[in-house]
């Protein structure tokens, strides 16, 4: 009787985790997920970027105007995560997102922000390729400065969530684990501006 062939090593499951809960306080209270970019809500663009960069499944954390985002944006195929504490800042959204991935088979989460349309699939793919194990930590760098997207191996999620408070997100955790963090330069393929103020809206197409 022939022996079955050994399984090829399994392709890692790198989930996309999109933080899209912000209320756009400095934009006069316009939820960032619903800003228009290339004729569609910005959140749709950000989901497409994660998928095109090789991430799946994609979990999207919603907060401000979550019901409107559900109605107005086509987020089919995404897992939508409500963050009722979104006004506390990015930390609460990161916690909610990582918690939603906890019961999945994901080996890592690649975290991106809805208000950075200058970061496209090439940067996502480059950070995704930095995955080595469930202990992996990697982040995009722009001229040596750490930015997004960031990749967190599943073994790190619990400690990251515990340290994510206010608007700091994973900053404190990454600072404490600097020696394990792979910084991947992406300044040649992406621009890391945020859409925070009315002046920044000129970046939208």
Protein backbone atom coordinates (compact mmCIF):
# COMPACT_ATOMS: atom_id res chain seq x y z
CA UNK A 1 0.00 0.00 0.00
CA UNK A 2 1.42 3.35 -1.05
CA UNK A 3 2.18 5.81 1.72
CA UNK A 4 0.48 9.21 1.38
CA UNK A 5 2.81 11.98 0.35
CA UNK A 6 3.81 14.31 3.18
CA UNK A 7 1.80 17.51 3.23
CA UNK A 8 3.66 20.52 1.87
CA UNK A 9 4.21 23.08 4.61
CA UNK A 10 0.97 24.98 5.05
CA UNK A 11 0.81 28.52 3.69
CA UNK A 12 0.43 30.83 6.72
CA UNK A 13 -2.94 32.49 7.21
CA UNK A 14 -2.27 36.21 7.50
CA UNK A 15 -5.52 38.01 8.26
CA UNK A 16 -6.02 41.63 7.33
CA UNK A 17 -7.17 43.75 10.28
CA UNK A 18 -8.46 47.14 9.19
CA UNK A 19 -9.03 49.77 11.89
CA UNK A 20 -11.84 51.95 10.52
CA UNK A 21 -13.65 53.21 13.62
CA UNK A 22 -12.44 56.83 13.75
CA UNK A 23 -14.95 59.66 13.91
CA UNK A 24 -12.85 62.25 12.07
CA UNK A 25 -12.96 64.76 14.92
CA UNK A 26 -10.54 67.12 13.12
CA UNK A 27 -12.58 66.69 9.92
CA UNK A 28 -15.69 68.15 11.50
CA UNK A 29 -16.97 64.76 12.63
CA UNK A 30 -16.92 63.07 9.21
CA UNK A 31 -16.30 59.35 9.82
CA UNK A 32 -13.07 58.42 8.05
CA UNK A 33 -14.46 55.13 6.70
CA UNK A 34 -17.00 57.07 4.61
CA UNK A 35 -14.67 59.68 3.07
CA UNK A 36 -14.82 59.34 -0.72
CA UNK A 37 -11.79 58.04 -2.60
CA UNK A 38 -11.96 57.18 -6.30
CA UNK A 39 -15.73 57.43 -6.14
CA UNK A 40 -16.27 54.96 -3.28
CA UNK A 41 -16.02 55.01 0.54
CA UNK A 42 -12.41 54.95 1.75
CA UNK A 43 -13.06 51.77 3.76
CA UNK A 44 -13.74 49.83 0.52
CA UNK A 45 -10.42 50.98 -0.92
CA UNK A 46 -8.58 49.89 2.25
CA UNK A 47 -10.19 46.42 2.17
CA UNK A 48 -9.23 45.99 -1.50
CA UNK A 49 -5.62 46.91 -0.68
CA UNK A 50 -5.42 44.25 2.06
CA UNK A 51 -6.85 41.59 -0.23
CA UNK A 52 -4.64 42.56 -3.17
CA UNK A 53 -1.63 42.37 -0.83
CA UNK A 54 -2.44 38.74 -0.02
CA UNK A 55 -4.34 39.02 3.28
CA UNK A 56 -7.38 36.96 4.15
CA UNK A 57 -9.72 36.78 5.94
CA UNK A 58 -10.25 40.53 6.39
CA UNK A 59 -11.72 41.84 9.66
CA UNK A 60 -12.89 45.46 9.73
CA UNK A 61 -13.35 47.29 13.04
CA UNK A 62 -16.17 49.84 12.84
CA UNK A 63 -17.12 52.53 15.36
CA UNK A 64 -18.28 55.99 14.31
CA UNK A 65 -21.44 55.79 12.16
CA UNK A 66 -21.10 51.99 12.00
CA UNK A 67 -24.68 51.56 10.73
CA UNK A 68 -24.10 54.04 7.89
CA UNK A 69 -20.83 52.35 6.96
CA UNK A 70 -22.63 49.00 6.76
CA UNK A 71 -25.28 50.53 4.47
CA UNK A 72 -23.08 52.68 2.25
CA UNK A 73 -19.94 50.59 1.83
CA UNK A 74 -19.69 47.22 0.10
CA UNK A 75 -17.86 45.14 2.69
CA UNK A 76 -19.09 41.76 1.51
CA UNK A 77 -16.82 38.91 2.52
CA UNK A 78 -15.39 40.87 5.46
CA UNK A 79 -15.96 40.12 9.13
CA UNK A 80 -17.33 43.35 10.62
CA UNK A 81 -16.41 44.00 14.23
CA UNK A 82 -18.25 46.66 16.23
CA UNK A 83 -16.21 48.68 18.70
CA UNK A 84 -18.67 50.51 20.99
CA UNK A 85 -15.67 52.07 22.78
CA UNK A 86 -14.19 53.62 19.60
CA UNK A 87 -14.09 57.11 21.18
CA UNK A 88 -11.42 55.86 23.59
CA UNK A 89 -9.00 55.77 20.66
CA UNK A 90 -7.18 53.32 18.43
CA UNK A 91 -6.20 51.02 21.29
CA UNK A 92 -9.81 49.92 21.83
CA UNK A 93 -10.19 49.12 18.11
CA UNK A 94 -6.99 47.10 18.08
CA UNK A 95 -8.20 45.13 21.11
CA UNK A 96 -11.60 44.47 19.50
CA UNK A 97 -9.98 43.39 16.24
CA UNK A 98 -7.45 41.03 17.78
CA UNK A 99 -10.18 39.53 19.96
CA UNK A 100 -12.28 38.85 16.85
CA UNK A 101 -9.36 36.97 15.27
CA UNK A 102 -8.68 34.91 18.39
CA UNK A 103 -11.09 32.12 17.44
CA UNK A 104 -9.92 31.93 13.80
CA UNK A 105 -7.08 29.95 12.26
CA UNK A 106 -5.07 33.09 11.52
CA UNK A 107 -1.33 32.77 12.19
CA UNK A 108 -0.83 36.53 12.11
CA UNK A 109 -2.73 39.80 11.79
CA UNK A 110 -1.61 42.48 9.37
CA UNK A 111 -2.97 45.73 10.78
CA UNK A 112 -3.70 48.74 8.58
CA UNK A 113 -5.47 52.07 9.12
CA UNK A 114 -8.39 53.25 7.01
CA UNK A 115 -7.01 56.78 6.64
CA UNK A 116 -3.74 55.92 4.86
CA UNK A 117 -4.67 55.57 1.16
CA UNK A 118 -1.06 56.16 0.12
CA UNK A 119 -0.20 52.66 1.36
CA UNK A 120 -1.10 50.17 -1.36
CA UNK A 121 -0.94 46.42 -2.04
CA UNK A 122 2.83 46.42 -2.66
CA UNK A 123 3.58 47.55 0.92
CA UNK A 124 1.02 45.11 2.35
CA UNK A 125 2.61 42.24 0.39
CA UNK A 126 6.08 43.24 1.54
CA UNK A 127 5.06 43.22 5.22
CA UNK A 128 3.09 40.00 4.78
CA UNK A 129 6.22 38.36 3.36
CA UNK A 130 8.03 39.14 6.65
CA UNK A 131 5.95 36.44 8.41
CA UNK A 132 8.20 33.70 9.82
CA UNK A 133 6.25 32.21 12.71
CA UNK A 134 3.43 32.91 15.13
CA UNK A 135 5.98 34.95 17.12
CA UNK A 136 6.70 37.29 14.18
CA UNK A 137 6.66 41.07 14.63
CA UNK A 138 7.19 43.28 11.59
CA UNK A 139 6.37 46.85 10.60
CA UNK A 140 6.71 49.07 7.59
CA UNK A 141 9.31 51.81 7.90
CA UNK A 142 9.47 55.11 6.04
CA UNK A 143 13.02 56.49 5.92
CA UNK A 144 13.71 54.40 9.00
CA UNK A 145 10.66 55.60 10.97
CA UNK A 146 8.23 52.86 12.01
CA UNK A 147 4.74 53.12 10.50
CA UNK A 148 1.93 50.97 9.10
CA UNK A 149 1.07 48.34 8.16
CA UNK A 150 2.30 46.17 11.01
CA UNK A 151 2.27 42.39 11.35
CA UNK A 152 1.63 40.64 14.66
CA UNK A 153 2.09 36.88 15.01
CA UNK A 154 -0.77 35.21 16.87
CA UNK A 155 1.37 34.40 19.91
CA UNK A 156 1.74 38.15 20.56
CA UNK A 157 -1.93 39.14 20.35
CA UNK A 158 -2.84 38.68 24.00
CA UNK A 159 0.02 40.86 25.29
CA UNK A 160 -0.54 43.48 22.58
CA UNK A 161 -4.24 43.73 23.46
CA UNK A 162 -3.38 44.09 27.15
CA UNK A 163 -1.08 47.04 26.41
CA UNK A 164 -3.32 48.79 23.83
CA UNK A 165 -4.84 51.82 25.53
CA UNK A 166 -5.97 55.24 24.32
CA UNK A 167 -4.59 56.28 20.96
CA UNK A 168 -1.30 54.46 21.46
CA UNK A 169 -2.38 51.19 19.84
CA UNK A 170 0.56 48.78 19.96
CA UNK A 171 3.20 51.50 20.38
CA UNK A 172 4.19 50.55 23.94
CA UNK A 173 4.38 46.84 23.10
CA UNK A 174 6.51 47.43 20.01
CA UNK A 175 8.86 49.71 21.93
CA UNK A 176 9.31 47.04 24.61
CA UNK A 177 9.98 44.38 21.93
CA UNK A 178 12.16 46.44 19.62
CA UNK A 179 14.83 43.74 19.41
CA UNK A 180 12.29 41.26 17.94
CA UNK A 181 10.73 43.73 15.51
CA UNK A 182 11.65 43.49 11.82
CA UNK A 183 11.51 46.96 10.25
CA UNK A 184 10.84 46.70 6.51
CA UNK A 185 11.54 49.84 4.48
CA UNK A 186 8.52 50.75 2.33
CA UNK A 187 9.24 54.38 1.49
CA UNK A 188 10.07 53.38 -2.10
CA UNK A 189 6.59 51.93 -2.73
CA UNK A 190 4.19 53.76 -0.38
CA UNK A 191 3.41 57.10 1.24
CA UNK A 192 2.43 57.06 4.90
CA UNK A 193 0.37 60.25 5.18
CA UNK A 194 -2.84 60.22 7.29
CA UNK A 195 -6.15 61.86 6.39
CA UNK A 196 -6.59 63.84 9.62
CA UNK A 197 -7.45 67.42 8.70
CA UNK A 198 -9.35 69.28 5.98
CA UNK A 199 -6.00 70.03 4.25
CA UNK A 200 -5.28 66.29 4.03
CA UNK A 201 -8.43 65.73 1.96
CA UNK A 202 -6.44 66.81 -1.10
CA UNK A 203 -4.82 63.36 -1.01
CA UNK A 204 -8.16 61.74 -1.83
CA UNK A 205 -9.03 61.20 -5.47
